[in-house]
Amino acid sequence: MNSYRRSTTDSDHDFVVYPNLAEQLMVRDVNQLWVADITDVRLLREFVYLAVVLDAFSRRAVGWALGRSLQTSLPLAALESAIHSRQPRAGLVHHSDRGSQYASKDYVERLESVGAVLSMIRAGRPWENGRCESFLKTLKQEEIDARPYHSLEELEQHIAEFIEQIYNRVRLHSALGYQSPAEVENRLVQPGTVPAWLPAGLSLRRHEEVPVLGQPPEGQP
């Protein structure tokens, strides 16, 4: 496979950039913290792009979308998939890089419509989204780089099988005590095993109330 990669993050934009809330969040249940990212995938004759959303507690891939464009519609499709499958409660923290797709009006407003708050990595610190980075590395090493793909449709079929049948259900994670994401979540529904759920960031300001970086909040010098 050609090692050349394409940049998927455009941080040079005029949208609001949100502070990193994830690093201070104690995650004790599903749907408290979602992490999201986009990566490129090289086919034989073109590049395509994969957007994913993971639950940080169980490491489960809860939404994903594959496409030929880096427009906001791609990660938004992954987000819609995650919202549809998980039905998160208000207080969910959504963590991502500072790219224009995640900071865009459409993406922010969709998150706010379900009561979610935004969190983003700081400039030049990609490791602050390490859970997603780790997932994408695993996906590429164990599935994407293992064979050549001729078309987006072929790739989509194999990614769906890997995520739904292997990664989520049977692949063991050292960070989860050598359990799969599905096993971790199944344990939560057993009597007496559900941890106390604390909504994260309910008092944080909405999109219209967040100051642009470099400008002090209203009332401050």
N, C-alpha and C. Protein backbone atom coordinates (compact mmCIF):
# COMPACT_ATOMS: atom_id res chain seq x y z
N MET A 1 0.85 -1.20 0.00
CA MET A 1 0.00 0.00 0.00
C MET A 1 0.88 1.25 0.00
N ASN A 2 0.46 2.26 -0.75
CA ASN A 2 1.17 3.53 -0.77
C ASN A 2 1.06 4.20 0.59
N SER A 3 2.19 4.64 1.14
CA SER A 3 2.19 5.21 2.48
C SER A 3 1.74 6.67 2.51
N TYR A 4 1.54 7.27 1.33
CA TYR A 4 1.14 8.68 1.28
C TYR A 4 -0.23 8.85 1.91
N ARG A 5 -0.37 9.83 2.78
CA ARG A 5 -1.65 10.09 3.44
C ARG A 5 -2.12 11.49 3.08
N ARG A 6 -3.40 11.69 3.11
CA ARG A 6 -3.99 13.00 2.88
C ARG A 6 -4.45 13.60 4.20
N SER A 7 -4.32 14.88 4.33
CA SER A 7 -4.78 15.56 5.53
C SER A 7 -6.31 15.57 5.55
N THR A 8 -6.86 15.25 6.71
CA THR A 8 -8.32 15.24 6.85
C THR A 8 -8.79 16.34 7.81
N THR A 9 -7.87 17.12 8.34
CA THR A 9 -8.22 18.15 9.33
C THR A 9 -7.86 19.53 8.83
N ASP A 10 -8.86 20.38 8.70
CA ASP A 10 -8.64 21.78 8.36
C ASP A 10 -9.00 22.63 9.57
N SER A 11 -7.98 23.04 10.31
CA SER A 11 -8.21 23.83 11.53
C SER A 11 -8.17 25.33 11.27
N ASP A 12 -7.95 25.72 10.02
CA ASP A 12 -7.90 27.14 9.68
C ASP A 12 -9.29 27.60 9.24
N HIS A 13 -10.11 27.94 10.22
CA HIS A 13 -11.49 28.32 9.93
C HIS A 13 -11.93 29.36 10.95
N ASP A 14 -13.12 29.91 10.74
CA ASP A 14 -13.63 30.98 11.60
C ASP A 14 -14.69 30.50 12.58
N PHE A 15 -14.89 29.19 12.66
CA PHE A 15 -15.87 28.66 13.61
C PHE A 15 -15.32 28.71 15.04
N VAL A 16 -16.21 28.58 16.00
CA VAL A 16 -15.80 28.53 17.40
C VAL A 16 -15.02 27.25 17.65
N VAL A 17 -13.92 27.35 18.40
CA VAL A 17 -13.15 26.18 18.84
C VAL A 17 -13.43 25.99 20.33
N TYR A 18 -13.79 24.78 20.70
CA TYR A 18 -14.23 24.51 22.06
C TYR A 18 -13.09 23.98 22.93
N PRO A 19 -13.13 24.20 24.24
CA PRO A 19 -12.07 23.70 25.13
C PRO A 19 -12.12 22.20 25.28
N ASN A 20 -11.01 21.64 25.71
CA ASN A 20 -10.92 20.19 25.94
C ASN A 20 -11.57 19.86 27.28
N LEU A 21 -12.76 19.28 27.23
CA LEU A 21 -13.46 18.85 28.44
C LEU A 21 -13.17 17.39 28.76
N ALA A 22 -12.77 16.64 27.75
CA ALA A 22 -12.63 15.19 27.91
C ALA A 22 -11.54 14.82 28.90
N GLU A 23 -10.47 15.60 28.95
CA GLU A 23 -9.35 15.24 29.80
C GLU A 23 -9.68 15.33 31.28
N GLN A 24 -10.72 16.08 31.63
CA GLN A 24 -11.10 16.23 33.03
C GLN A 24 -12.36 15.44 33.38
N LEU A 25 -12.87 14.67 32.42
CA LEU A 25 -14.12 13.95 32.62
C LEU A 25 -13.86 12.55 33.14
N MET A 26 -14.46 12.19 34.26
CA MET A 26 -14.36 10.83 34.77
C MET A 26 -15.47 10.01 34.13
N VAL A 27 -15.11 9.16 33.18
CA VAL A 27 -16.09 8.39 32.42
C VAL A 27 -16.40 7.09 33.15
N ARG A 28 -17.66 6.94 33.57
CA ARG A 28 -18.05 5.78 34.36
C ARG A 28 -19.22 5.02 33.75
N ASP A 29 -19.65 5.41 32.57
CA ASP A 29 -20.79 4.75 31.95
C ASP A 29 -20.77 5.02 30.46
N VAL A 30 -21.59 4.29 29.72
CA VAL A 30 -21.73 4.54 28.30
C VAL A 30 -22.47 5.85 28.08
N ASN A 31 -22.27 6.41 26.90
CA ASN A 31 -22.95 7.64 26.48
C ASN A 31 -22.67 8.84 27.37
N GLN A 32 -21.55 8.84 28.06
CA GLN A 32 -21.07 10.04 28.75
C GLN A 32 -20.10 10.80 27.86
N LEU A 33 -19.23 10.05 27.15
CA LEU A 33 -18.23 10.67 26.30
C LEU A 33 -18.14 9.91 24.99
N TRP A 34 -18.38 10.61 23.88
CA TRP A 34 -18.14 10.07 22.55
C TRP A 34 -16.91 10.75 21.97
N VAL A 35 -16.10 10.00 21.24
CA VAL A 35 -14.94 10.55 20.56
C VAL A 35 -15.10 10.30 19.07
N ALA A 36 -14.70 11.26 18.27
CA ALA A 36 -14.93 11.19 16.82
C ALA A 36 -13.69 11.60 16.06
N ASP A 37 -13.55 11.03 14.86
CA ASP A 37 -12.41 11.38 14.02
C ASP A 37 -12.70 10.97 12.58
N ILE A 38 -11.84 11.46 11.68
CA ILE A 38 -11.92 11.14 10.25
C ILE A 38 -10.56 10.68 9.79
N THR A 39 -10.52 9.69 8.90
CA THR A 39 -9.26 9.25 8.32
C THR A 39 -9.45 9.00 6.84
N ASP A 40 -8.34 8.99 6.12
CA ASP A 40 -8.38 8.68 4.69
C ASP A 40 -8.07 7.21 4.47
N VAL A 41 -8.61 6.65 3.39
CA VAL A 41 -8.35 5.26 3.01
C VAL A 41 -8.02 5.25 1.52
N ARG A 42 -6.90 4.67 1.15
CA ARG A 42 -6.50 4.64 -0.25
C ARG A 42 -7.02 3.38 -0.92
N LEU A 43 -7.83 3.55 -1.95
CA LEU A 43 -8.22 2.45 -2.81
C LEU A 43 -7.21 2.35 -3.96
N LEU A 44 -7.45 1.46 -4.88
CA LEU A 44 -6.49 1.29 -5.97
C LEU A 44 -6.40 2.54 -6.85
N ARG A 45 -7.52 3.26 -7.01
CA ARG A 45 -7.52 4.40 -7.94
C ARG A 45 -7.98 5.71 -7.31
N GLU A 46 -8.28 5.72 -6.02
CA GLU A 46 -8.77 6.95 -5.41
C GLU A 46 -8.62 6.89 -3.90
N PHE A 47 -8.76 8.06 -3.28
CA PHE A 47 -8.86 8.15 -1.83
C PHE A 47 -10.32 8.29 -1.46
N VAL A 48 -10.72 7.63 -0.37
CA VAL A 48 -12.03 7.85 0.23
C VAL A 48 -11.81 8.14 1.71
N TYR A 49 -12.89 8.46 2.43
CA TYR A 49 -12.74 8.93 3.80
C TYR A 49 -13.72 8.22 4.72
N LEU A 50 -13.26 7.93 5.92
CA LEU A 50 -14.05 7.24 6.93
C LEU A 50 -14.18 8.13 8.16
N ALA A 51 -15.42 8.36 8.59
CA ALA A 51 -15.69 9.08 9.83
C ALA A 51 -16.26 8.10 10.84
N VAL A 52 -15.78 8.19 12.09
CA VAL A 52 -16.22 7.26 13.12
C VAL A 52 -16.58 8.00 14.40
N VAL A 53 -17.46 7.39 15.18
CA VAL A 53 -17.80 7.86 16.52
C VAL A 53 -17.70 6.67 17.46
N LEU A 54 -16.92 6.81 18.54
CA LEU A 54 -16.75 5.73 19.52
C LEU A 54 -17.31 6.16 20.86
N ASP A 55 -17.81 5.19 21.61
CA ASP A 55 -18.14 5.42 23.00
C ASP A 55 -16.86 5.23 23.81
N ALA A 56 -16.44 6.26 24.53
CA ALA A 56 -15.15 6.21 25.22
C ALA A 56 -15.13 5.21 26.36
N PHE A 57 -16.28 4.93 26.97
CA PHE A 57 -16.30 4.00 28.09
C PHE A 57 -16.07 2.56 27.64
N SER A 58 -16.80 2.13 26.64
CA SER A 58 -16.72 0.73 26.19
C SER A 58 -15.81 0.54 24.99
N ARG A 59 -15.36 1.63 24.36
CA ARG A 59 -14.57 1.60 23.13
C ARG A 59 -15.37 1.09 21.93
N ARG A 60 -16.67 1.02 22.06
CA ARG A 60 -17.51 0.51 20.98
C ARG A 60 -17.65 1.56 19.88
N ALA A 61 -17.55 1.13 18.63
CA ALA A 61 -17.84 2.00 17.50
C ALA A 61 -19.35 2.10 17.37
N VAL A 62 -19.90 3.28 17.65
CA VAL A 62 -21.36 3.44 17.69
C VAL A 62 -21.91 4.13 16.45
N GLY A 63 -21.04 4.67 15.61
CA GLY A 63 -21.48 5.28 14.37
C GLY A 63 -20.31 5.43 13.41
N TRP A 64 -20.56 5.24 12.15
CA TRP A 64 -19.51 5.44 11.15
C TRP A 64 -20.13 5.69 9.79
N ALA A 65 -19.35 6.33 8.92
CA ALA A 65 -19.81 6.62 7.56
C ALA A 65 -18.60 6.69 6.64
N LEU A 66 -18.80 6.25 5.42
CA LEU A 66 -17.73 6.19 4.43
C LEU A 66 -18.17 7.02 3.23
N GLY A 67 -17.25 7.82 2.66
CA GLY A 67 -17.62 8.62 1.50
C GLY A 67 -16.41 9.16 0.77
N ARG A 68 -16.69 9.86 -0.33
CA ARG A 68 -15.62 10.40 -1.16
C ARG A 68 -15.31 11.86 -0.85
N SER A 69 -16.07 12.46 0.04
CA SER A 69 -15.92 13.88 0.32
C SER A 69 -15.58 14.11 1.79
N LEU A 70 -14.83 15.18 2.06
CA LEU A 70 -14.51 15.58 3.42
C LEU A 70 -15.46 16.65 3.94
N GLN A 71 -16.55 16.87 3.22
CA GLN A 71 -17.53 17.84 3.68
C GLN A 71 -18.17 17.40 5.00
N THR A 72 -18.80 18.34 5.67
CA THR A 72 -19.43 18.06 6.96
C THR A 72 -20.43 16.92 6.89
N SER A 73 -21.01 16.70 5.73
CA SER A 73 -22.02 15.65 5.58
C SER A 73 -21.47 14.27 5.95
N LEU A 74 -20.16 14.06 5.81
CA LEU A 74 -19.59 12.74 6.14
C LEU A 74 -19.60 12.49 7.65
N PRO A 75 -18.93 13.31 8.49
CA PRO A 75 -19.01 13.05 9.93
C PRO A 75 -20.42 13.21 10.47
N LEU A 76 -21.23 14.04 9.83
CA LEU A 76 -22.61 14.21 10.28
C LEU A 76 -23.40 12.92 10.08
N ALA A 77 -23.12 12.19 9.00
CA ALA A 77 -23.77 10.90 8.78
C ALA A 77 -23.35 9.90 9.86
N ALA A 78 -22.07 9.92 10.24
CA ALA A 78 -21.60 9.03 11.32
C ALA A 78 -22.27 9.40 12.64
N LEU A 79 -22.41 10.70 12.89
CA LEU A 79 -23.06 11.17 14.11
C LEU A 79 -24.53 10.75 14.13
N GLU A 80 -25.22 10.90 13.01
CA GLU A 80 -26.63 10.51 12.94
C GLU A 80 -26.79 9.03 13.24
N SER A 81 -25.88 8.23 12.72
CA SER A 81 -25.91 6.79 12.99
C SER A 81 -25.76 6.51 14.47
N ALA A 82 -24.83 7.22 15.11
CA ALA A 82 -24.60 7.03 16.54
C ALA A 82 -25.81 7.46 17.37
N ILE A 83 -26.38 8.61 17.03
CA ILE A 83 -27.55 9.10 17.76
C ILE A 83 -28.71 8.13 17.60
N HIS A 84 -28.93 7.64 16.40
CA HIS A 84 -30.03 6.72 16.15
C HIS A 84 -29.88 5.43 16.93
N SER A 85 -28.66 4.91 17.01
CA SER A 85 -28.45 3.62 17.67
C SER A 85 -28.37 3.72 19.19
N ARG A 86 -27.96 4.89 19.70
CA ARG A 86 -27.71 5.01 21.14
C ARG A 86 -28.73 5.85 21.90
N GLN A 87 -29.38 6.80 21.23
CA GLN A 87 -30.36 7.67 21.89
C GLN A 87 -29.78 8.26 23.19
N PRO A 88 -28.70 9.04 23.08
CA PRO A 88 -28.01 9.55 24.28
C PRO A 88 -28.85 10.56 25.04
N ARG A 89 -28.61 10.62 26.34
CA ARG A 89 -29.27 11.61 27.18
C ARG A 89 -28.50 12.93 27.16
N ALA A 90 -29.18 13.98 27.55
CA ALA A 90 -28.54 15.29 27.64
C ALA A 90 -27.35 15.22 28.60
N GLY A 91 -26.27 15.91 28.25
CA GLY A 91 -25.07 15.88 29.08
C GLY A 91 -23.93 15.12 28.44
N LEU A 92 -24.21 14.42 27.34
CA LEU A 92 -23.15 13.75 26.59
C LEU A 92 -22.09 14.76 26.16
N VAL A 93 -20.82 14.38 26.31
CA VAL A 93 -19.72 15.20 25.80
C VAL A 93 -19.20 14.57 24.51
N HIS A 94 -19.12 15.36 23.46
CA HIS A 94 -18.61 14.91 22.16
C HIS A 94 -17.23 15.52 21.96
N HIS A 95 -16.22 14.66 21.80
CA HIS A 95 -14.83 15.11 21.72
C HIS A 95 -14.26 14.80 20.34
N SER A 96 -13.54 15.76 19.77
CA SER A 96 -12.99 15.60 18.42
C SER A 96 -11.77 16.49 18.25
N ASP A 97 -11.22 16.49 17.03
CA ASP A 97 -10.19 17.47 16.72
C ASP A 97 -10.85 18.82 16.44
N ARG A 98 -10.04 19.79 16.01
CA ARG A 98 -10.52 21.16 15.81
C ARG A 98 -10.91 21.43 14.36
N GLY A 99 -11.11 20.37 13.59
CA GLY A 99 -11.40 20.51 12.16
C GLY A 99 -12.70 21.24 11.88
N SER A 100 -12.76 21.83 10.69
CA SER A 100 -13.93 22.63 10.31
C SER A 100 -15.21 21.81 10.28
N GLN A 101 -15.11 20.51 9.97
CA GLN A 101 -16.33 19.69 9.94
C GLN A 101 -16.99 19.62 11.31
N TYR A 102 -16.17 19.41 12.35
CA TYR A 102 -16.71 19.25 13.70
C TYR A 102 -17.11 20.59 14.32
N ALA A 103 -16.52 21.67 13.85
CA ALA A 103 -16.84 23.00 14.38
C ALA A 103 -17.95 23.69 13.58
N SER A 104 -18.37 23.07 12.49
CA SER A 104 -19.35 23.71 11.60
C SER A 104 -20.70 23.90 12.28
N LYS A 105 -21.45 24.82 11.77
CA LYS A 105 -22.76 25.16 12.33
C LYS A 105 -23.69 23.94 12.33
N ASP A 106 -23.73 23.20 11.22
CA ASP A 106 -24.65 22.05 11.12
C ASP A 106 -24.30 20.97 12.14
N TYR A 107 -22.99 20.72 12.31
CA TYR A 107 -22.58 19.67 13.23
C TYR A 107 -22.85 20.07 14.68
N VAL A 108 -22.49 21.31 15.01
CA VAL A 108 -22.69 21.80 16.37
C VAL A 108 -24.17 21.81 16.73
N GLU A 109 -24.99 22.29 15.83
CA GLU A 109 -26.42 22.38 16.11
C GLU A 109 -27.06 21.00 16.26
N ARG A 110 -26.57 20.02 15.51
CA ARG A 110 -27.12 18.66 15.67
C ARG A 110 -26.77 18.11 17.05
N LEU A 111 -25.56 18.35 17.51
CA LEU A 111 -25.19 17.91 18.84
C LEU A 111 -26.01 18.62 19.91
N GLU A 112 -26.17 19.91 19.77
CA GLU A 112 -26.94 20.65 20.75
C GLU A 112 -28.41 20.24 20.76
N SER A 113 -28.91 19.73 19.63
CA SER A 113 -30.31 19.31 19.58
C SER A 113 -30.59 18.11 20.46
N VAL A 114 -29.55 17.34 20.81
CA VAL A 114 -29.72 16.20 21.71
C VAL A 114 -29.15 16.50 23.10
N GLY A 115 -28.84 17.76 23.34
CA GLY A 115 -28.34 18.16 24.65
C GLY A 115 -26.89 17.85 24.89
N ALA A 116 -26.12 17.63 23.82
CA ALA A 116 -24.70 17.33 23.96
C ALA A 116 -23.88 18.61 24.01
N VAL A 117 -22.69 18.52 24.58
CA VAL A 117 -21.75 19.64 24.61
C VAL A 117 -20.47 19.22 23.91
N LEU A 118 -19.75 20.20 23.38
CA LEU A 118 -18.58 19.92 22.56
C LEU A 118 -17.29 20.06 23.33
N SER A 119 -16.34 19.23 22.94
CA SER A 119 -14.99 19.25 23.47
C SER A 119 -14.04 19.02 22.31
N MET A 120 -12.92 19.73 22.29
CA MET A 120 -11.96 19.59 21.19
C MET A 120 -10.54 19.54 21.73
N ILE A 121 -9.67 18.89 20.98
CA ILE A 121 -8.26 18.84 21.36
C ILE A 121 -7.66 20.23 21.23
N ARG A 122 -6.55 20.45 21.91
CA ARG A 122 -5.82 21.70 21.76
C ARG A 122 -4.93 21.64 20.52
N ALA A 123 -4.56 22.79 20.04
CA ALA A 123 -3.76 22.90 18.82
C ALA A 123 -2.47 22.09 18.94
N GLY A 124 -2.18 21.28 17.93
CA GLY A 124 -0.94 20.53 17.89
C GLY A 124 -0.85 19.39 18.87
N ARG A 125 -2.00 18.91 19.39
CA ARG A 125 -1.99 17.84 20.39
C ARG A 125 -2.93 16.70 19.97
N PRO A 126 -2.63 16.02 18.86
CA PRO A 126 -3.53 14.96 18.35
C PRO A 126 -3.73 13.82 19.34
N TRP A 127 -2.76 13.62 20.25
CA TRP A 127 -2.88 12.53 21.22
C TRP A 127 -4.04 12.76 22.19
N GLU A 128 -4.56 13.98 22.24
CA GLU A 128 -5.71 14.24 23.11
C GLU A 128 -6.99 13.58 22.59
N ASN A 129 -6.91 13.01 21.41
CA ASN A 129 -8.00 12.19 20.89
C ASN A 129 -7.51 10.76 20.69
N GLY A 130 -6.76 10.29 21.68
CA GLY A 130 -6.05 9.02 21.56
C GLY A 130 -6.93 7.80 21.38
N ARG A 131 -8.12 7.80 21.97
CA ARG A 131 -8.99 6.63 21.83
C ARG A 131 -9.37 6.40 20.38
N CYS A 132 -9.72 7.50 19.69
CA CYS A 132 -10.09 7.37 18.28
C CYS A 132 -8.87 7.04 17.43
N GLU A 133 -7.75 7.66 17.74
CA GLU A 133 -6.52 7.36 17.01
C GLU A 133 -6.18 5.88 17.12
N SER A 134 -6.33 5.32 18.31
CA SER A 134 -6.03 3.91 18.53
C SER A 134 -6.98 3.02 17.72
N PHE A 135 -8.27 3.38 17.71
CA PHE A 135 -9.23 2.59 16.94
C PHE A 135 -8.88 2.60 15.46
N LEU A 136 -8.58 3.77 14.92
CA LEU A 136 -8.28 3.86 13.48
C LEU A 136 -7.00 3.11 13.14
N LYS A 137 -6.02 3.15 14.03
CA LYS A 137 -4.80 2.37 13.82
C LYS A 137 -5.10 0.88 13.78
N THR A 138 -5.93 0.41 14.70
CA THR A 138 -6.32 -1.00 14.73
C THR A 138 -7.07 -1.38 13.47
N LEU A 139 -8.02 -0.55 13.06
CA LEU A 139 -8.81 -0.82 11.86
C LEU A 139 -7.92 -0.94 10.63
N LYS A 140 -6.95 -0.06 10.52
CA LYS A 140 -6.08 -0.10 9.34
C LYS A 140 -5.13 -1.29 9.37
N GLN A 141 -4.56 -1.57 10.54
CA GLN A 141 -3.61 -2.68 10.63
C GLN A 141 -4.28 -4.03 10.44
N GLU A 142 -5.47 -4.20 11.00
CA GLU A 142 -6.09 -5.52 11.02
C GLU A 142 -7.07 -5.76 9.88
N GLU A 143 -7.50 -4.71 9.20
CA GLU A 143 -8.47 -4.89 8.12
C GLU A 143 -8.06 -4.17 6.84
N ILE A 144 -7.93 -2.86 6.89
CA ILE A 144 -7.76 -2.09 5.66
C ILE A 144 -6.44 -2.39 4.96
N ASP A 145 -5.34 -2.46 5.73
CA ASP A 145 -4.03 -2.69 5.11
C ASP A 145 -3.78 -4.16 4.80
N ALA A 146 -4.72 -5.02 5.16
CA ALA A 146 -4.52 -6.46 4.95
C ALA A 146 -4.83 -6.91 3.53
N ARG A 147 -5.48 -6.05 2.74
CA ARG A 147 -5.85 -6.43 1.39
C ARG A 147 -6.08 -5.18 0.54
N PRO A 148 -5.96 -5.29 -0.78
CA PRO A 148 -6.28 -4.15 -1.64
C PRO A 148 -7.78 -4.07 -1.88
N TYR A 149 -8.28 -2.86 -1.98
CA TYR A 149 -9.71 -2.66 -2.25
C TYR A 149 -9.87 -1.95 -3.58
N HIS A 150 -10.79 -2.47 -4.40
CA HIS A 150 -10.99 -1.91 -5.72
C HIS A 150 -12.04 -0.81 -5.74
N SER A 151 -12.99 -0.86 -4.83
CA SER A 151 -14.09 0.11 -4.87
C SER A 151 -14.53 0.49 -3.47
N LEU A 152 -15.22 1.63 -3.38
CA LEU A 152 -15.75 2.07 -2.10
C LEU A 152 -16.76 1.06 -1.57
N GLU A 153 -17.56 0.47 -2.45
CA GLU A 153 -18.57 -0.49 -2.02
C GLU A 153 -17.94 -1.74 -1.41
N GLU A 154 -16.84 -2.20 -1.99
CA GLU A 154 -16.13 -3.36 -1.44
C GLU A 154 -15.56 -3.03 -0.07
N LEU A 155 -14.95 -1.87 0.03
CA LEU A 155 -14.38 -1.44 1.31
C LEU A 155 -15.47 -1.32 2.37
N GLU A 156 -16.60 -0.74 2.01
CA GLU A 156 -17.69 -0.55 2.95
C GLU A 156 -18.18 -1.87 3.52
N GLN A 157 -18.28 -2.87 2.69
CA GLN A 157 -18.73 -4.19 3.14
C GLN A 157 -17.77 -4.78 4.16
N HIS A 158 -16.48 -4.67 3.91
CA HIS A 158 -15.49 -5.25 4.81
C HIS A 158 -15.37 -4.45 6.11
N ILE A 159 -15.47 -3.12 6.01
CA ILE A 159 -15.43 -2.32 7.23
C ILE A 159 -16.63 -2.61 8.12
N ALA A 160 -17.80 -2.75 7.52
CA ALA A 160 -19.01 -3.07 8.29
C ALA A 160 -18.83 -4.40 9.02
N GLU A 161 -18.30 -5.39 8.33
CA GLU A 161 -18.09 -6.70 8.95
C GLU A 161 -17.07 -6.62 10.08
N PHE A 162 -15.97 -5.89 9.85
CA PHE A 162 -14.94 -5.79 10.87
C PHE A 162 -15.46 -5.08 12.12
N ILE A 163 -16.13 -3.95 11.92
CA ILE A 163 -16.59 -3.17 13.06
C ILE A 163 -17.67 -3.90 13.83
N GLU A 164 -18.70 -4.38 13.13
CA GLU A 164 -19.86 -4.94 13.80
C GLU A 164 -19.64 -6.36 14.32
N GLN A 165 -18.92 -7.16 13.55
CA GLN A 165 -18.80 -8.57 13.92
C GLN A 165 -17.51 -8.90 14.68
N ILE A 166 -16.46 -8.13 14.44
CA ILE A 166 -15.16 -8.45 15.06
C ILE A 166 -14.82 -7.44 16.15
N TYR A 167 -14.63 -6.18 15.77
CA TYR A 167 -14.15 -5.19 16.74
C TYR A 167 -15.12 -5.01 17.90
N ASN A 168 -16.37 -4.78 17.62
CA ASN A 168 -17.33 -4.52 18.69
C ASN A 168 -17.66 -5.75 19.52
N ARG A 169 -17.66 -6.92 18.90
CA ARG A 169 -18.20 -8.10 19.56
C ARG A 169 -17.17 -9.05 20.16
N VAL A 170 -16.04 -9.22 19.48
CA VAL A 170 -15.12 -10.27 19.95
C VAL A 170 -13.69 -9.81 20.18
N ARG A 171 -13.30 -8.66 19.66
CA ARG A 171 -11.90 -8.25 19.83
C ARG A 171 -11.67 -7.79 21.27
N LEU A 172 -10.65 -8.35 21.90
CA LEU A 172 -10.36 -8.05 23.29
C LEU A 172 -9.47 -6.81 23.39
N HIS A 173 -9.70 -6.00 24.44
CA HIS A 173 -8.95 -4.77 24.63
C HIS A 173 -8.27 -4.81 26.00
N SER A 174 -6.99 -4.54 26.03
CA SER A 174 -6.28 -4.52 27.30
C SER A 174 -6.84 -3.44 28.22
N ALA A 175 -7.24 -2.29 27.65
CA ALA A 175 -7.78 -1.20 28.45
C ALA A 175 -9.13 -1.55 29.07
N LEU A 176 -9.76 -2.62 28.58
CA LEU A 176 -11.06 -3.07 29.10
C LEU A 176 -10.92 -4.35 29.93
N GLY A 177 -9.71 -4.63 30.38
CA GLY A 177 -9.51 -5.86 31.14
C GLY A 177 -9.64 -7.09 30.26
N TYR A 178 -9.21 -6.95 29.00
CA TYR A 178 -9.28 -8.04 28.01
C TYR A 178 -10.70 -8.55 27.83
N GLN A 179 -11.60 -7.59 27.66
CA GLN A 179 -12.97 -7.87 27.26
C GLN A 179 -13.24 -7.13 25.94
N SER A 180 -14.29 -7.53 25.26
CA SER A 180 -14.70 -6.82 24.06
C SER A 180 -15.64 -5.68 24.45
N PRO A 181 -15.83 -4.69 23.58
CA PRO A 181 -16.79 -3.63 23.89
C PRO A 181 -18.19 -4.17 24.20
N ALA A 182 -18.63 -5.16 23.45
CA ALA A 182 -19.96 -5.73 23.70
C ALA A 182 -20.04 -6.37 25.07
N GLU A 183 -18.98 -7.05 25.49
CA GLU A 183 -18.98 -7.68 26.82
C GLU A 183 -19.07 -6.63 27.91
N VAL A 184 -18.33 -5.54 27.76
CA VAL A 184 -18.36 -4.47 28.75
C VAL A 184 -19.77 -3.90 28.87
N GLU A 185 -20.41 -3.64 27.73
CA GLU A 185 -21.75 -3.06 27.77
C GLU A 185 -22.78 -4.07 28.28
N ASN A 186 -22.61 -5.33 27.96
CA ASN A 186 -23.54 -6.34 28.46
C ASN A 186 -23.50 -6.45 29.98
N ARG A 187 -22.33 -6.23 30.55
CA ARG A 187 -22.20 -6.29 32.01
C ARG A 187 -22.97 -5.15 32.68
N LEU A 188 -23.10 -4.04 31.98
CA LEU A 188 -23.80 -2.89 32.56
C LEU A 188 -25.29 -3.14 32.76
N VAL A 189 -25.86 -4.04 31.98
CA VAL A 189 -27.31 -4.27 32.09
C VAL A 189 -27.63 -5.36 33.10
N GLN A 190 -26.60 -5.97 33.71
CA GLN A 190 -26.85 -6.97 34.73
C GLN A 190 -27.25 -6.28 36.03
N PRO A 191 -28.15 -6.87 36.80
CA PRO A 191 -28.60 -6.24 38.05
C PRO A 191 -27.43 -5.93 38.97
N GLY A 192 -27.41 -4.69 39.47
CA GLY A 192 -26.39 -4.30 40.43
C GLY A 192 -25.06 -3.89 39.84
N THR A 193 -24.96 -3.85 38.50
CA THR A 193 -23.66 -3.54 37.90
C THR A 193 -23.64 -2.17 37.23
N VAL A 194 -24.76 -1.48 37.15
CA VAL A 194 -24.79 -0.19 36.47
C VAL A 194 -24.22 0.89 37.38
N PRO A 195 -23.15 1.55 36.96
CA PRO A 195 -22.57 2.60 37.80
C PRO A 195 -23.45 3.83 37.79
N ALA A 196 -23.27 4.68 38.81
CA ALA A 196 -24.03 5.92 38.87
C ALA A 196 -23.66 6.79 37.67
N TRP A 197 -24.66 7.22 36.92
CA TRP A 197 -24.41 8.03 35.73
C TRP A 197 -24.48 9.50 36.08
N LEU A 198 -23.43 10.23 35.74
CA LEU A 198 -23.41 11.66 36.01
C LEU A 198 -23.39 12.41 34.69
N PRO A 199 -24.42 13.22 34.40
CA PRO A 199 -24.40 13.99 33.16
C PRO A 199 -23.23 14.95 33.16
N ALA A 200 -22.57 15.09 32.04
CA ALA A 200 -21.37 15.91 31.97
C ALA A 200 -21.66 17.22 31.27
N GLY A 201 -21.32 18.30 31.93
CA GLY A 201 -21.33 19.59 31.27
C GLY A 201 -22.69 20.21 31.03
N LEU A 202 -23.71 19.87 31.81
CA LEU A 202 -25.03 20.43 31.58
C LEU A 202 -25.07 21.94 31.77
N SER A 203 -24.16 22.47 32.57
CA SER A 203 -24.17 23.91 32.83
C SER A 203 -23.33 24.69 31.83
N LEU A 204 -22.70 23.99 30.87
CA LEU A 204 -21.85 24.69 29.91
C LEU A 204 -22.70 25.49 28.93
N ARG A 205 -22.12 26.57 28.40
CA ARG A 205 -22.85 27.44 27.50
C ARG A 205 -23.04 26.81 26.13
N ARG A 206 -24.11 27.22 25.47
CA ARG A 206 -24.40 26.71 24.14
C ARG A 206 -23.55 27.44 23.11
N HIS A 207 -23.67 27.01 21.86
CA HIS A 207 -22.83 27.49 20.78
C HIS A 207 -22.83 29.01 20.66
N GLU A 208 -24.02 29.63 20.74
CA GLU A 208 -24.11 31.07 20.56
C GLU A 208 -23.46 31.83 21.71
N GLU A 209 -23.23 31.15 22.85
CA GLU A 209 -22.72 31.82 24.03
C GLU A 209 -21.23 31.60 24.25
N VAL A 210 -20.60 30.79 23.40
CA VAL A 210 -19.19 30.48 23.57
C VAL A 210 -18.35 31.52 22.85
N PRO A 211 -17.43 32.19 23.54
CA PRO A 211 -16.62 33.23 22.89
C PRO A 211 -15.63 32.63 21.92
N VAL A 212 -15.35 33.36 20.84
CA VAL A 212 -14.30 32.96 19.90
C VAL A 212 -12.96 33.09 20.59
N LEU A 213 -12.05 32.12 20.34
CA LEU A 213 -10.74 32.18 20.94
C LEU A 213 -10.05 33.50 20.62
N GLY A 214 -9.43 34.07 21.63
CA GLY A 214 -8.74 35.34 21.45
C GLY A 214 -9.57 36.53 21.85
N GLN A 215 -10.87 36.29 22.07
CA GLN A 215 -11.74 37.36 22.50
C GLN A 215 -12.26 37.05 23.90
N PRO A 216 -12.13 37.99 24.86
CA PRO A 216 -12.59 37.71 26.23
C PRO A 216 -14.10 37.63 26.28
N PRO A 217 -14.65 36.83 27.22
CA PRO A 217 -16.09 36.77 27.40
C PRO A 217 -16.63 38.13 27.75
N GLU A 218 -17.91 38.34 27.44
CA GLU A 218 -18.55 39.62 27.72
C GLU A 218 -18.44 39.96 29.20
N GLY A 219 -18.06 41.20 29.49
CA GLY A 219 -17.96 41.64 30.87
C GLY A 219 -16.58 41.48 31.46
N GLN A 220 -15.66 40.84 30.67
CA GLN A 220 -14.28 40.69 31.15
C GLN A 220 -13.35 41.54 30.31
N PRO A 221 -12.28 42.08 30.91
CA PRO A 221 -11.36 42.95 30.15
C PRO A 221 -10.56 42.15 29.13
